[in-house]
Protein backbone atom coordinates (compact mmCIF):
# COMPACT_ATOMS: atom_id res chain seq x y z
CA MET A 1 0.00 0.00 0.00
CA GLU A 2 1.39 3.40 -1.00
CA SER A 3 1.89 5.88 1.85
CA GLN A 4 -0.38 8.46 0.19
CA ASP A 5 -3.22 5.89 0.18
CA LEU A 6 -3.07 5.28 3.93
CA ARG A 7 -5.99 6.21 6.13
CA ILE A 8 -6.38 6.35 9.90
CA SER A 9 -8.52 3.24 9.63
CA ASP A 10 -5.52 1.34 8.19
CA PHE A 11 -3.56 2.02 11.37
CA GLU A 12 -6.56 1.04 13.45
CA THR A 13 -6.91 -2.25 11.56
CA ARG A 14 -3.22 -3.04 11.96
CA TYR A 15 -3.02 -2.25 15.68
CA GLN A 16 -6.48 -2.97 17.08
CA GLU A 17 -5.74 -6.59 17.94
CA ARG A 18 -1.96 -6.59 17.75
CA VAL A 19 -0.18 -7.86 20.88
CA PRO A 20 2.84 -5.66 21.67
CA ARG A 21 6.25 -7.32 21.81
CA ILE A 22 9.61 -6.15 23.10
CA GLN A 23 11.25 -4.15 20.32
CA GLY A 24 14.28 -6.00 18.99
CA LEU A 25 13.17 -9.31 20.50
CA ARG A 26 14.71 -12.20 18.56
CA ASN A 27 13.73 -15.21 20.63
CA ALA A 28 11.41 -15.93 23.53
CA TYR A 29 11.88 -18.80 25.95
CA ALA A 30 9.89 -20.23 28.85
CA VAL A 31 11.32 -22.21 31.76
CA LEU A 32 9.69 -24.02 34.65
CA ILE A 33 10.97 -23.49 38.18
CA PRO A 34 9.99 -26.88 39.65
CA LEU A 35 9.15 -26.98 43.36
CA ILE A 36 8.86 -30.30 45.18
CA GLU A 37 7.89 -30.95 48.78
CA PHE A 38 10.39 -33.59 49.87
CA ASN A 39 11.38 -34.78 53.35
CA GLY A 40 9.16 -32.13 54.92
CA GLU A 41 10.61 -29.12 53.11
CA ILE A 42 10.39 -27.29 49.81
CA ASN A 43 13.07 -28.21 47.27
CA LEU A 44 14.00 -26.88 43.85
CA LEU A 45 14.61 -29.37 41.06
CA PHE A 46 17.60 -28.59 38.83
CA GLU A 47 18.91 -30.19 35.65
CA ILE A 48 22.51 -30.71 34.58
CA ARG A 49 22.66 -30.30 30.83
CA ALA A 50 24.00 -33.20 28.77
CA SER A 51 27.69 -32.92 27.86
CA SER A 52 26.79 -33.67 24.23
CA LEU A 53 24.84 -30.41 23.82
CA LYS A 54 26.43 -27.65 21.75
CA ARG A 55 25.19 -24.84 24.01
CA GLN A 56 26.16 -24.71 27.70
CA PRO A 57 27.02 -28.42 28.05
CA GLY A 58 27.23 -29.54 31.66
CA GLU A 59 25.70 -26.35 33.05
CA ILE A 60 22.89 -26.30 35.60
CA CYS A 61 19.47 -25.07 34.50
CA PHE A 62 15.72 -25.39 34.85
CA PRO A 63 13.70 -27.20 32.16
CA GLY A 64 12.75 -24.87 29.34
CA GLY A 65 13.16 -23.85 25.74
CA ARG A 66 11.95 -21.67 22.88
CA ILE A 67 8.28 -20.73 22.72
CA GLU A 68 6.76 -22.18 19.57
CA ASN A 69 4.17 -20.50 17.31
CA LYS A 70 0.81 -19.89 19.02
CA GLU A 71 2.11 -21.52 22.21
CA THR A 72 1.59 -19.72 25.50
CA ILE A 73 4.36 -19.25 28.05
CA ILE A 74 2.83 -21.84 30.37
CA GLU A 75 2.21 -24.34 27.57
CA CYS A 76 5.85 -24.05 26.55
CA ALA A 77 7.15 -24.51 30.11
CA LEU A 78 5.00 -27.62 30.59
CA ARG A 79 5.94 -29.08 27.19
CA GLU A 80 9.65 -28.58 27.75
CA THR A 81 9.42 -30.16 31.21
CA ARG A 82 7.60 -33.14 29.71
CA GLU A 83 10.16 -33.51 26.92
CA GLU A 84 13.23 -33.05 29.10
CA LEU A 85 12.17 -34.75 32.33
CA GLY A 86 9.23 -36.96 31.37
CA VAL A 87 6.92 -35.31 33.91
CA PRO A 88 3.26 -35.29 32.73
CA SER A 89 1.77 -31.82 32.59
CA LYS A 90 -1.20 -32.91 34.71
CA GLU A 91 1.22 -33.57 37.60
CA ILE A 92 2.39 -29.94 37.68
CA GLN A 93 0.39 -27.25 39.48
CA ILE A 94 1.14 -23.83 38.01
CA LEU A 95 1.61 -21.33 40.83
CA GLY A 96 2.30 -18.21 38.79
CA GLN A 97 5.00 -16.41 36.83
CA THR A 98 8.04 -14.59 38.16
CA ASP A 99 9.57 -11.49 36.58
CA TYR A 100 10.91 -12.18 33.11
CA LEU A 101 14.45 -11.49 31.94
CA TYR A 102 15.65 -9.74 28.80
CA SER A 103 19.20 -10.35 27.62
CA ALA A 104 21.47 -8.12 25.57
CA SER A 105 21.37 -10.77 22.83
CA GLY A 106 17.69 -9.98 22.21
CA ALA A 107 16.16 -12.94 24.07
CA ALA A 108 13.38 -12.84 26.64
CA ILE A 109 13.11 -15.59 29.25
CA PHE A 110 9.78 -16.13 31.00
CA PRO A 111 10.01 -18.23 34.21
CA VAL A 112 6.95 -20.14 35.40
CA LEU A 113 6.67 -21.40 38.96
CA GLY A 114 5.23 -24.91 39.29
CA SER A 115 4.74 -27.52 41.98
CA LEU A 116 5.32 -31.20 41.11
CA SER A 117 3.07 -33.79 42.68
CA LYS A 118 4.47 -36.95 44.25
CA GLU A 119 3.35 -38.83 41.17
CA GLY A 120 5.09 -36.29 38.96
CA PHE A 121 8.33 -36.65 40.88
CA ALA A 122 8.05 -40.45 40.70
CA ALA A 123 7.62 -40.19 36.92
CA LEU A 124 10.90 -38.31 36.56
CA ALA A 125 12.76 -39.80 33.58
CA PRO A 126 15.38 -37.38 32.19
CA ASN A 127 15.91 -37.42 28.43
CA PRO A 128 19.61 -38.42 28.09
CA SER A 129 20.03 -36.42 24.88
CA GLU A 130 19.30 -33.23 26.82
CA VAL A 131 19.77 -33.95 30.51
CA GLU A 132 22.76 -35.64 32.12
CA SER A 133 21.21 -35.78 35.60
CA THR A 134 19.02 -33.93 38.07
CA PHE A 135 19.32 -32.95 41.72
CA LEU A 136 17.23 -31.40 44.46
CA ALA A 137 18.30 -28.46 46.59
CA PRO A 138 16.37 -27.15 49.62
CA PHE A 139 14.95 -23.68 49.04
CA SER A 140 15.96 -22.84 52.62
CA HIS A 141 19.63 -23.24 51.60
CA PHE A 142 19.35 -20.33 49.19
CA GLN A 143 17.48 -18.26 51.76
CA GLU A 144 20.26 -18.79 54.30
CA GLU A 145 23.35 -18.63 52.05
CA ALA A 146 23.89 -15.38 50.20
CA PRO A 147 25.24 -15.78 46.65
CA LEU A 148 28.38 -14.21 45.28
CA VAL A 149 27.22 -11.39 43.01
CA TYR A 150 29.36 -9.86 40.27
CA HIS A 151 28.60 -7.36 37.53
CA TYR A 152 29.92 -6.60 34.09
CA ASP A 153 29.36 -3.55 31.89
CA LEU A 154 27.67 -3.53 28.49
CA VAL A 155 29.92 -1.14 26.59
CA PRO A 156 28.87 0.40 23.23
CA ARG A 157 31.19 -0.31 20.28
CA ILE A 158 30.65 2.35 17.62
CA PRO A 159 31.63 1.39 14.04
CA GLY A 160 34.42 3.38 12.43
CA ASP A 161 32.21 4.57 9.56
CA PHE A 162 29.46 5.96 11.84
CA PRO A 163 28.11 9.22 10.24
CA TYR A 164 28.88 11.69 13.04
CA ASP A 165 28.77 14.65 10.61
CA LEU A 166 25.27 13.76 9.50
CA LEU A 167 24.09 14.05 13.10
CA GLY A 168 26.07 17.18 13.90
CA ILE A 169 28.20 15.46 16.55
CA ASP A 170 31.78 14.23 16.72
CA GLU A 171 33.61 11.22 18.13
CA SER A 172 33.67 12.78 21.59
CA TYR A 173 29.92 12.21 21.84
CA HIS A 174 29.06 10.55 25.14
CA TRP A 175 27.31 7.28 24.31
CA ARG A 176 25.33 5.73 27.11
CA SER A 177 26.44 2.30 28.16
CA GLY A 178 24.02 -0.59 28.16
CA GLY A 179 24.15 -0.69 31.94
CA GLN A 180 25.35 -3.59 34.03
CA VAL A 181 24.52 -7.28 33.96
CA GLU A 182 24.23 -9.03 37.30
CA VAL A 183 26.00 -12.39 37.64
CA PRO A 184 24.89 -14.19 40.82
CA ILE A 185 26.76 -17.38 41.74
CA PHE A 186 25.19 -19.91 44.10
CA ASN A 187 26.95 -22.88 45.65
CA VAL A 188 25.02 -25.90 46.86
CA GLU A 189 27.02 -28.97 47.86
CA ASP A 190 29.27 -29.66 44.85
CA HIS A 191 27.13 -27.72 42.36
CA VAL A 192 27.58 -24.15 41.11
CA ILE A 193 24.52 -22.34 39.77
CA TRP A 194 25.01 -19.16 37.75
CA GLY A 195 24.08 -17.49 34.44
CA ILE A 196 20.41 -17.14 33.52
CA THR A 197 19.46 -19.82 36.06
CA GLY A 198 21.27 -17.88 38.78
CA ARG A 199 19.43 -14.70 37.81
CA ILE A 200 16.06 -16.49 37.83
CA LEU A 201 16.84 -17.94 41.26
CA LEU A 202 17.97 -14.58 42.60
CA GLY A 203 14.74 -12.98 41.36
CA LEU A 204 12.65 -15.69 43.01
CA LEU A 205 14.44 -15.21 46.33
CA LYS A 206 13.85 -11.45 46.22
CA GLU A 207 10.19 -11.93 45.32
CA MET A 208 9.84 -14.32 48.26
CA GLY A 209 11.14 -11.64 50.61
CA LYS A 210 14.89 -12.27 50.91
CA ASP A 211 16.88 -9.08 51.28
CA LEU A 212 19.75 -9.30 48.77
C-alpha cells in the first residue's frame, strides 16, 4: 500500500488486535521453576545439561526452551518439562509467573513457577540427549546462604564509519552504556549455579522476601 493511500482506519486495523512485543526481540523462551515438597521441606529441582549439547554443556538449569508458534508461556514450560524430564503436565500445578528477563542478545526468558506432585516426581525420567542428571536443593539453603554477586558492563562499540557529521556530533559524543549485567553465583554442595538460572533464582528469592 502506497503511503499516500493510507488512512487512519488502516492504522486502526493493523493495531487494534496486535499484541505488543519487546522491540528488537529475537527469541522468547519459557522455563519451569519446579518446586517439590520432599522430606518435609520445599526443594528446587535442577537439571545438569547433557555434555553432548552444543550450548552450555554440563551447566545447571531449569527445564525450558523456545516458545513455539501460538504456544503460551505456560504451555511451553509444561511441554519442555515433559520432553526433558518426562513429567506429565497434569502432575504440575502452576503457581504463577516470576519477573521475566531480557538479555542483551535480544532474548526474553519467562520463568513459570510450578509444583510437582508426588506422582510427577516419581515419573521423573530425564531425556539423556538433553539432561545428564538432576538434583534437588532445599529452598531454605538459598534463603540462608547469600550468593556471590558480580557485575559486568555492556559497553557500546561504535563502528568506524558511523556518520557523526550527518548528526552534527563528533567522536567525543558521550554514548550511554548498556548498563550492568548481574551475575549471581550460588553454591550448593558440589554444584555451582550461575548465568540465567542464577538470575532467575535470585529474582525468586527477592520476590519471596529475601533481602539481597
